[in-house]
Amino acid sequence: HEAFLSDLRSNLQVSNEPGNRYNLQLINALVLYVGTQAIAHIHNKGSTPSMSTITHSAHMDIFQNLAVDLDTEGRYLFLNAIANQLRYPNSHTHYFSCTMLYLFAEANTEAIQEQITRVLLERLIVNRPHPWGLLITFIELIKNPAFKFWNHEFVHCAPEIEKLFQSVAQCCMGQKQAQQVMEGTGAS
């Protein structure tokens, strides 16, 4: 288990050339495979994916290891591979939504949380329609007080960034609800 995790990064890395360091197809395949295996494992135990059922597993160990161990470029590709799975309502999407939120909650640095936010936000600022899973994940992230999203420095680092977050929140949730959430008065 430990050897696998320690070798994982080097197996994903294919060069030292910035922008081309990682085997993108392998990252996407790994995320999809580990996720589908995790879902099968959860279902075999008679459960469904949730924030409590995805934790403390070899599958989540792999994902957490990648989130922490990869450099910025690798982590960006890894998080995008997860975001690619945020699609229509099903247990697959729900698992990856929970995974993204769990990685945010358990991140050991704000840089990881900022990168998760960036990956989601990049997909939300493009033209609609947005995949259901992407919207649900972002709304949960900004709405659930457990994630303390609005307390993070990167949300308030510049007025234009703060306005962007407010604008996206309003598009996702409606103006009144977004305002309540940003002020910390909204119910989760």
Foldseek 3Di string as FASTA:
>chain_A
DVVCLVCVQVVQADDPDPPRGGDLVVLLVLLLVLLVVLQVVQVVVVHAADLVSSPDDPSLVNVLSQLPPDDPVSNLSNLLSLVVQCAEDDRSLNNSLSSLLNCLLPPPDVVSVVSNVVSLLVQQVDDDDGGPSSLVSVLCCQQPCSSVVLVDCVCVVDPVSVVSVLVSLCVSPNNVQSVCSNVVNHDD
